[in-house]
Amino acid sequence: MQAGDPGAVAIMGAGSIGCYVGGRLATAGATVQLIGRPRLREAVQQHGLHLTDLHGFDQQLPVGGCEFHTSAACAARCALVLVCVKSAATADAGRQLA
């Protein structure tokens, strides 16, 4: 799937929670567009995502397993946007997505 396909998901706020949710969706086969800070984009583009949880889930999402953007523009092409920012950043995230 490409961004814009039915089922493509944007994750606004690709920090710890956003990357985990997006990574789990991507490992389940969804097309995922992560939206976050440039520093994290560089790490994900170089190393992929390593997903773990307290129940023993442990999986590596390889480089290219999802796209990472620093602009919310990609969300316009997605069927669903999950907002995973800290509460103080919600209004700003809404403005970026509008």
Protein backbone atom coordinates (compact mmCIF):
# COMPACT_ATOMS: atom_id res chain seq x y z
CA MET A 1 0.00 0.00 0.00
CA GLN A 2 1.04 3.56 -0.61
CA ALA A 3 0.01 6.64 1.34
CA GLY A 4 -3.43 7.52 0.05
CA ASP A 5 -4.49 3.88 -0.28
CA PRO A 6 -7.52 2.89 1.79
CA GLY A 7 -6.12 1.80 5.11
CA ALA A 8 -3.00 4.02 5.13
CA VAL A 9 -2.43 5.37 8.65
CA ALA A 10 -0.57 8.53 9.70
CA ILE A 11 0.85 8.73 13.22
CA MET A 12 1.13 12.38 14.29
CA GLY A 13 3.69 12.46 17.08
CA ALA A 14 6.24 9.75 16.39
CA GLY A 15 7.82 9.58 19.83
CA SER A 16 7.84 6.54 22.09
CA ILE A 17 4.09 5.91 21.94
CA GLY A 18 3.62 6.94 18.31
CA CYS A 19 6.52 4.81 17.08
CA TYR A 20 5.28 1.82 19.06
CA VAL A 21 1.70 2.11 17.76
CA GLY A 22 2.88 2.79 14.21
CA GLY A 23 5.42 -0.01 14.36
CA ARG A 24 2.84 -2.52 15.56
CA LEU A 25 0.46 -1.45 12.77
CA ALA A 26 3.26 -1.76 10.20
CA THR A 27 4.24 -5.24 11.42
CA ALA A 28 0.57 -6.20 11.01
CA GLY A 29 0.70 -5.10 7.36
CA ALA A 30 -0.65 -1.54 7.45
CA THR A 31 0.91 1.27 5.45
CA VAL A 32 2.19 3.68 8.11
CA GLN A 33 3.38 7.27 7.79
CA LEU A 34 5.17 8.41 10.97
CA ILE A 35 5.29 12.18 11.56
CA GLY A 36 7.89 13.42 14.03
CA ARG A 37 11.15 15.23 14.70
CA PRO A 38 14.12 15.14 12.30
CA ARG A 39 16.44 13.55 14.90
CA LEU A 40 14.18 10.53 15.27
CA ARG A 41 13.59 10.34 11.51
CA GLU A 42 17.33 9.93 10.98
CA ALA A 43 17.53 7.11 13.54
CA VAL A 44 14.52 5.25 12.07
CA GLN A 45 15.86 5.65 8.53
CA GLN A 46 19.25 4.25 9.61
CA HIS A 47 18.17 1.50 12.01
CA GLY A 48 14.43 0.80 11.63
CA LEU A 49 12.35 0.33 14.78
CA HIS A 50 12.91 -2.22 17.54
CA LEU A 51 9.54 -2.95 19.17
CA THR A 52 9.20 -4.61 22.57
CA ASP A 53 6.58 -4.82 25.29
CA LEU A 54 6.28 -6.16 28.83
CA HIS A 55 4.58 -9.34 27.61
CA GLY A 56 7.64 -10.46 25.63
CA PHE A 57 6.80 -9.07 22.18
CA ASP A 58 10.12 -8.38 20.45
CA GLN A 59 10.27 -7.54 16.77
CA GLN A 60 12.47 -5.45 14.51
CA LEU A 61 10.72 -3.32 11.89
CA PRO A 62 13.40 -3.02 9.21
CA VAL A 63 14.56 0.17 7.55
CA GLY A 64 11.84 1.08 5.05
CA GLY A 65 9.14 -0.73 7.04
CA CYS A 66 7.31 2.58 7.33
CA GLU A 67 7.84 6.10 6.03
CA PHE A 68 8.94 8.89 8.36
CA HIS A 69 8.08 12.54 7.71
CA THR A 70 8.77 15.79 9.56
CA SER A 71 5.74 17.52 8.02
CA ALA A 72 2.07 16.69 8.55
CA ALA A 73 1.35 17.14 4.83
CA CYS A 74 1.49 13.38 4.23
CA ALA A 75 -1.50 12.91 6.56
CA ALA A 76 -3.83 14.40 3.93
CA ARG A 77 -3.33 11.25 1.82
CA CYS A 78 -4.08 8.82 4.65
CA ALA A 79 -7.39 7.22 5.57
CA LEU A 80 -6.73 7.55 9.31
CA VAL A 81 -4.64 9.87 11.48
CA LEU A 82 -3.75 8.85 15.04
CA VAL A 83 -2.63 11.78 17.20
CA CYS A 84 0.01 10.57 19.66
CA VAL A 85 1.46 13.86 20.90
CA LYS A 86 1.78 15.03 24.50
CA SER A 87 -1.35 16.85 25.70
CA ALA A 88 0.38 20.24 25.67
CA ALA A 89 1.10 19.79 21.93
CA THR A 90 -2.43 18.78 20.89
CA ALA A 91 -3.52 22.24 19.68
CA ASP A 92 -0.35 22.66 17.61
CA ALA A 93 -0.79 19.18 16.12
CA GLY A 94 -4.36 20.09 15.18
CA ARG A 95 -3.17 23.26 13.44
CA GLN A 96 -0.56 21.31 11.50
CA LEU A 97 -3.14 18.74 10.41
CA ALA A 98 -5.82 21.31 9.43
